[in-house]
């Protein structure tokens, strides 16, 4: 019935509804409905006949009649086959009775064996009880059994592989859960450390601003005193070494001047000697000043 309803609802099988009633089609629909409800002992329910309902019911009636006709053909064929089987059974029974193998003349064991043989033949789906048919059927069953065993082994291997993957996945899941728990436990300490770093960062930012301000102040101070990038540490070291060399050169002169402290009490000679040494000292100082001025002029 569901097939009929589905087919009636299918636009490809149902005819298009017309704008006007077709009296012949309405009569066919009413006749079909009456036959169907009479078959189950019920009256046809009242409903409104519209072009659309008539079209669907007519399609349903045509399909139902086709199905009924097909079912009648199949039933007729089955009845014919049943009659043939009954006539063949009667003929076989007569043959068995003529040769003395009727069921009444057989022992219970023989009847049981025959029934078992018939059941086995039905189970193996063979039409006769020849030994060759049994062997072929058993061979077919053996092949199917072998195939099933091979499939079972394959499925077993696949199941083992999947089981191994599942174990590894569970182990990995356990490891991830432990790692997550460990990280969750470390959140508090990490947050405290982050807070400490944030505080230190604020202090470092403040220090950076302070150092930048000091750097700007020192730079302005150096600009005011006339510092230039050419006056580097290396130049100052070279100037200091040159000064030491000049001090080494003037040291003998100073030593000589100090030695004049032991001059004889001749006032005139002492005055001349002192004046000469003063002149030499002034010359040495002037030479030192000239060297320093030349060194500074070179650096500038």
Protein backbone atom coordinates (compact mmCIF):
# COMPACT_ATOMS: atom_id res chain seq x y z
CA UNK A 1 0.00 0.00 0.00
CA UNK A 2 2.92 2.35 0.78
CA UNK A 3 4.27 1.72 -2.72
CA UNK A 4 0.93 2.69 -4.16
CA UNK A 5 0.75 5.91 -2.13
CA UNK A 6 4.33 6.82 -3.05
CA UNK A 7 3.66 6.16 -6.69
CA UNK A 8 0.47 8.23 -6.56
CA UNK A 9 2.35 11.13 -4.96
CA UNK A 10 5.06 10.96 -7.67
CA UNK A 11 4.36 13.57 -10.36
CA UNK A 12 5.98 11.34 -12.98
CA UNK A 13 3.39 8.60 -12.46
CA UNK A 14 0.34 10.70 -11.63
CA UNK A 15 -1.52 12.34 -14.44
CA UNK A 16 -1.88 16.14 -14.43
CA UNK A 17 -5.09 17.40 -12.73
CA UNK A 18 -7.55 18.98 -15.13
CA UNK A 19 -9.60 22.04 -14.52
CA UNK A 20 -12.91 20.14 -15.17
CA UNK A 21 -14.27 16.79 -13.97
CA UNK A 22 -13.94 13.71 -16.19
CA UNK A 23 -17.09 11.69 -15.54
CA UNK A 24 -15.53 8.45 -16.80
CA UNK A 25 -12.54 8.89 -14.52
CA UNK A 26 -14.75 9.74 -11.55
CA UNK A 27 -16.78 6.60 -12.19
CA UNK A 28 -13.62 4.49 -12.30
CA UNK A 29 -12.39 6.02 -9.06
CA UNK A 30 -15.71 5.42 -7.28
CA UNK A 31 -15.85 1.83 -8.53
CA UNK A 32 -12.30 1.16 -7.38
CA UNK A 33 -12.89 2.71 -3.94
CA UNK A 34 -16.09 0.70 -3.49
CA UNK A 35 -14.33 -2.56 -4.40
CA UNK A 36 -11.43 -1.85 -2.03
CA UNK A 37 -13.60 -0.91 0.96
CA UNK A 38 -16.06 -3.75 0.29
CA UNK A 39 -13.16 -6.18 0.44
CA UNK A 40 -12.54 -5.18 4.08
CA UNK A 41 -16.23 -4.80 4.95
CA UNK A 42 -16.30 -1.02 5.30
CA UNK A 43 -18.15 1.83 3.63
CA UNK A 44 -16.43 4.42 1.47
CA UNK A 45 -15.95 7.59 3.57
CA UNK A 46 -17.45 10.82 2.35
CA UNK A 47 -15.01 13.38 0.91
CA UNK A 48 -14.99 16.15 -1.63
CA UNK A 49 -14.21 15.19 -5.19
CA UNK A 50 -11.85 17.77 -6.66
CA UNK A 51 -9.89 17.62 -9.91
CA UNK A 52 -6.67 17.15 -7.95
CA UNK A 53 -8.04 14.36 -5.70
CA UNK A 54 -9.65 12.63 -8.70
CA UNK A 55 -6.33 12.74 -10.58
CA UNK A 56 -4.39 11.23 -7.65
CA UNK A 57 -7.01 8.61 -6.89
CA UNK A 58 -7.23 7.62 -10.55
CA UNK A 59 -3.45 7.20 -10.73
CA UNK A 60 -3.58 5.19 -7.48
CA UNK A 61 -6.38 3.02 -8.88
CA UNK A 62 -4.48 2.31 -12.10
CA UNK A 63 -1.37 1.37 -10.16
CA UNK A 64 -3.37 -0.79 -7.73
CA UNK A 65 -5.06 -2.63 -10.58
CA UNK A 66 -1.68 -3.23 -12.23
CA UNK A 67 -0.26 -4.55 -8.96
CA UNK A 68 -3.33 -6.73 -8.42
CA UNK A 69 -3.05 -8.13 -11.93
CA UNK A 70 0.66 -8.86 -11.44
CA UNK A 71 -0.05 -10.51 -8.08
CA UNK A 72 -2.78 -12.61 -9.72
CA UNK A 73 -0.37 -13.78 -12.41
CA UNK A 74 2.24 -14.73 -9.79
CA UNK A 75 -0.38 -16.49 -7.66
CA UNK A 76 -1.65 -18.42 -10.72
CA UNK A 77 1.89 -19.49 -11.55
CA UNK A 78 2.50 -20.60 -7.97
CA UNK A 79 -0.77 -22.58 -7.95
CA UNK A 80 0.24 -24.26 -11.21
CA UNK A 81 3.64 -25.16 -9.79
CA UNK A 82 2.02 -26.49 -6.62
CA UNK A 83 -0.28 -28.70 -8.72
CA UNK A 84 2.71 -29.98 -10.70
CA UNK A 85 4.61 -30.72 -7.48
CA UNK A 86 1.58 -32.57 -6.06
CA UNK A 87 1.21 -34.68 -9.21
CA UNK A 88 4.93 -35.43 -9.20
CA UNK A 89 4.74 -36.39 -5.51
CA UNK A 90 1.87 -38.78 -6.31
CA UNK A 91 3.88 -40.30 -9.18
CA UNK A 92 7.00 -40.72 -7.03
CA UNK A 93 4.90 -42.26 -4.23
CA UNK A 94 3.44 -44.78 -6.68
CA UNK A 95 6.92 -45.66 -7.94
CA UNK A 96 8.20 -46.16 -4.39
CA UNK A 97 5.18 -48.31 -3.50
CA UNK A 98 5.74 -50.46 -6.60
CA UNK A 99 9.36 -51.14 -5.66
CA UNK A 100 8.46 -51.72 -2.01
CA UNK A 101 9.97 -48.47 -0.67
CA UNK A 102 6.78 -46.85 0.57
CA UNK A 103 7.09 -44.85 3.78
CA UNK A 104 4.78 -47.30 5.61
CA UNK A 105 7.03 -50.24 4.71
CA UNK A 106 10.27 -48.55 5.84
CA UNK A 107 11.67 -48.84 9.33
CA UNK A 108 11.69 -45.78 11.59
CA UNK A 109 15.48 -45.53 11.20
CA UNK A 110 15.19 -45.49 7.42
CA UNK A 111 12.49 -42.85 7.56
CA UNK A 112 14.63 -40.75 9.90
CA UNK A 113 17.69 -41.15 7.65
CA UNK A 114 15.64 -40.16 4.60
CA UNK A 115 14.34 -37.10 6.39
CA UNK A 116 17.85 -36.17 7.50
CA UNK A 117 19.06 -36.66 3.92
CA UNK A 118 16.25 -34.47 2.61
CA UNK A 119 16.97 -31.78 5.22
CA UNK A 120 20.67 -31.82 4.32
CA UNK A 121 19.80 -31.55 0.64
CA UNK A 122 17.55 -28.57 1.35
CA UNK A 123 20.24 -27.02 3.53
CA UNK A 124 22.86 -27.46 0.80
CA UNK A 125 20.35 -26.17 -1.80
CA UNK A 126 20.68 -29.21 -4.09
CA UNK A 127 17.87 -30.73 -6.18
CA UNK A 128 18.86 -34.39 -5.88
CA UNK A 129 20.56 -36.75 -3.48
CA UNK A 130 23.41 -37.82 -5.74
CA UNK A 131 26.81 -38.19 -4.06
CA UNK A 132 28.37 -35.86 -6.64
CA UNK A 133 25.86 -33.14 -5.80
CA UNK A 134 26.67 -33.51 -2.10
CA UNK A 135 30.41 -33.35 -2.84
CA UNK A 136 30.03 -30.26 -5.00
CA UNK A 137 27.89 -28.59 -2.35
CA UNK A 138 30.38 -29.54 0.39
CA UNK A 139 33.24 -28.21 -1.74
CA UNK A 140 31.36 -24.96 -2.22
CA UNK A 141 30.76 -24.74 1.53
CA UNK A 142 34.45 -25.46 2.17
CA UNK A 143 35.46 -22.67 -0.20
CA UNK A 144 33.06 -20.29 1.44
CA UNK A 145 34.36 -21.39 4.84
CA UNK A 146 37.93 -20.73 3.72
CA UNK A 147 36.94 -17.31 2.44
CA UNK A 148 35.15 -16.53 5.67
CA UNK A 149 38.20 -17.65 7.68
CA UNK A 150 40.46 -15.46 5.55
CA UNK A 151 38.11 -12.53 6.04
CA UNK A 152 38.01 -13.28 9.75
CA UNK A 153 41.82 -13.31 9.94
CA UNK A 154 41.95 -10.03 8.04
CA UNK A 155 39.35 -8.49 10.32
CA UNK A 156 41.24 -9.84 13.34
CA UNK A 157 44.49 -8.24 12.15
CA UNK A 158 42.71 -4.99 11.47
CA UNK A 159 41.09 -5.20 14.89
CA UNK A 160 44.50 -5.75 16.50
CA UNK A 161 45.91 -2.76 14.63
CA UNK A 162 42.93 -0.63 15.68
CA UNK A 163 43.29 -1.91 19.24
CA UNK A 164 46.97 -0.94 19.21
CA UNK A 165 46.09 2.50 17.86
CA UNK A 166 43.42 2.80 20.55
CA UNK A 167 45.91 1.88 23.29
CA UNK A 168 48.39 4.43 21.96
CA UNK A 169 45.66 7.04 21.72
CA UNK A 170 44.59 6.33 25.31
CA UNK A 171 48.22 6.54 26.46
CA UNK A 172 48.65 9.83 24.61
CA UNK A 173 45.37 11.09 26.08
CA UNK A 174 46.54 10.15 29.58
CA UNK A 175 49.86 11.93 28.97
CA UNK A 176 48.06 15.02 27.69
CA UNK A 177 45.75 15.00 30.71
CA UNK A 178 48.76 14.77 33.08
CA UNK A 179 50.51 17.56 31.17
CA UNK A 180 47.38 19.69 31.30
CA UNK A 181 47.02 19.06 35.03
CA UNK A 182 50.69 19.92 35.56
CA UNK A 183 50.33 23.15 33.59
CA UNK A 184 47.12 23.94 35.45
CA UNK A 185 48.95 23.48 38.76
CA UNK A 186 51.77 25.78 37.58
CA UNK A 187 49.38 28.56 36.56
CA UNK A 188 49.44 30.21 40.02
CA UNK A 189 53.25 30.31 40.23
CA UNK A 190 53.54 31.47 36.63
CA UNK A 191 51.01 34.23 37.26
CA UNK A 192 53.02 35.37 40.30
CA UNK A 193 56.21 35.34 38.26
CA UNK A 194 54.45 37.22 35.45
CA UNK A 195 53.27 39.83 37.97
CA UNK A 196 56.86 40.16 39.28
CA UNK A 197 58.18 40.57 35.74
CA UNK A 198 55.48 43.14 35.01
CA UNK A 199 56.49 45.12 38.10
CA UNK A 200 60.17 44.90 37.12
CA UNK A 201 59.27 45.96 33.61
CA UNK A 202 57.57 49.08 34.93
CA UNK A 203 60.63 49.88 37.04
CA UNK A 204 62.93 49.30 34.06
CA UNK A 205 60.77 51.57 31.89
CA UNK A 206 61.03 54.27 34.56
CA UNK A 207 64.81 53.78 34.77
CA UNK A 208 65.02 53.93 30.99
CA UNK A 209 63.28 57.30 30.97
CA UNK A 210 65.59 58.50 33.74
CA UNK A 211 68.72 57.34 31.92
CA UNK A 212 67.53 58.88 28.67
CA UNK A 213 67.00 62.19 30.52
CA UNK A 214 70.47 61.96 32.06
CA UNK A 215 71.94 61.13 28.68
CA UNK A 216 70.25 64.19 27.19
CA UNK A 217 71.56 66.37 30.06
CA UNK A 218 75.13 65.06 29.70
CA UNK A 219 74.99 65.56 25.97
CA UNK A 220 73.84 69.16 26.40
CA UNK A 221 76.60 69.70 28.97
CA UNK A 222 79.25 68.34 26.60
CA UNK A 223 77.94 70.58 23.84
CA UNK A 224 78.23 73.59 26.14
CA UNK A 225 81.88 72.84 27.08
CA UNK A 226 82.79 72.34 23.43
CA UNK A 227 83.17 68.59 23.39
CA UNK A 228 83.46 67.09 19.95
CA UNK A 229 83.42 63.42 18.93
CA UNK A 230 87.06 63.83 17.78
CA UNK A 231 88.20 64.14 21.41
CA UNK A 232 88.10 60.48 22.12
CA UNK A 233 89.72 58.33 24.77
CA UNK A 234 92.52 57.37 22.40
CA UNK A 235 93.41 61.02 21.71
CA UNK A 236 93.49 61.79 25.45
CA UNK A 237 95.72 58.80 26.09
CA UNK A 238 98.13 59.91 23.35
CA UNK A 239 98.22 63.44 24.79
CA UNK A 240 98.94 62.07 28.29
CA UNK A 241 101.78 59.94 26.96
CA UNK A 242 103.24 62.97 25.14
CA UNK A 243 102.97 64.96 28.37
CA UNK A 244 104.89 62.25 30.20
CA UNK A 245 107.62 62.38 27.56
CA UNK A 246 107.88 66.16 27.97
CA UNK A 247 108.03 65.77 31.76
CA UNK A 248 110.89 63.33 31.27
CA UNK A 249 112.68 65.88 29.13
CA UNK A 250 112.17 68.73 31.64
CA UNK A 251 113.03 66.61 34.65
CA UNK A 252 116.84 66.88 34.08
CA UNK A 253 116.50 70.66 33.83
CA UNK A 254 114.60 70.80 37.11
CA UNK A 255 117.19 68.56 38.70
CA UNK A 256 119.92 70.91 37.47
CA UNK A 257 118.06 73.89 38.93
CA UNK A 258 117.79 72.13 42.25
CA UNK A 259 121.53 71.45 42.18
CA UNK A 260 122.17 75.17 42.07
CA UNK A 261 121.00 75.42 45.60
CA UNK A 262 124.52 74.36 46.60
CA UNK A 263 126.25 77.25 44.71
CA UNK A 264 129.12 79.16 46.34
CA UNK A 265 128.22 82.32 48.17
CA UNK A 266 129.45 84.41 45.22
CA UNK A 267 126.37 86.47 44.65
CA UNK A 268 127.14 87.66 41.15
CA UNK A 269 127.93 84.19 39.76
CA UNK A 270 124.90 82.72 41.52
CA UNK A 271 122.67 85.40 40.08
CA UNK A 272 123.96 84.73 36.56
CA UNK A 273 123.54 80.97 36.96
CA UNK A 274 120.02 81.37 38.32
CA UNK A 275 119.04 83.69 35.52
CA UNK A 276 120.34 81.21 32.95
CA UNK A 277 118.40 78.38 34.49
CA UNK A 278 115.26 80.50 34.62
CA UNK A 279 115.69 81.30 30.96
CA UNK A 280 116.06 77.60 30.17
CA UNK A 281 113.03 76.76 32.33
CA UNK A 282 110.90 79.39 30.58
CA UNK A 283 112.06 78.01 27.25
CA UNK A 284 111.12 74.48 28.29
CA UNK A 285 107.69 75.63 29.52
CA UNK A 286 107.12 77.51 26.28
CA UNK A 287 108.10 74.41 24.32
CA UNK A 288 105.69 72.31 26.40
CA UNK A 289 102.88 74.82 25.81
CA UNK A 290 103.60 74.86 22.08
CA UNK A 291 103.51 71.07 21.93
CA UNK A 292 100.21 70.93 23.85
CA UNK A 293 98.67 73.64 21.65
CA UNK A 294 99.81 71.85 18.51
CA UNK A 295 98.35 68.55 19.82
CA UNK A 296 94.99 70.19 20.60
CA UNK A 297 94.95 71.97 17.26
CA UNK A 298 95.63 68.63 15.52
CA UNK A 299 92.74 66.90 17.33
CA UNK A 300 90.34 69.75 16.52
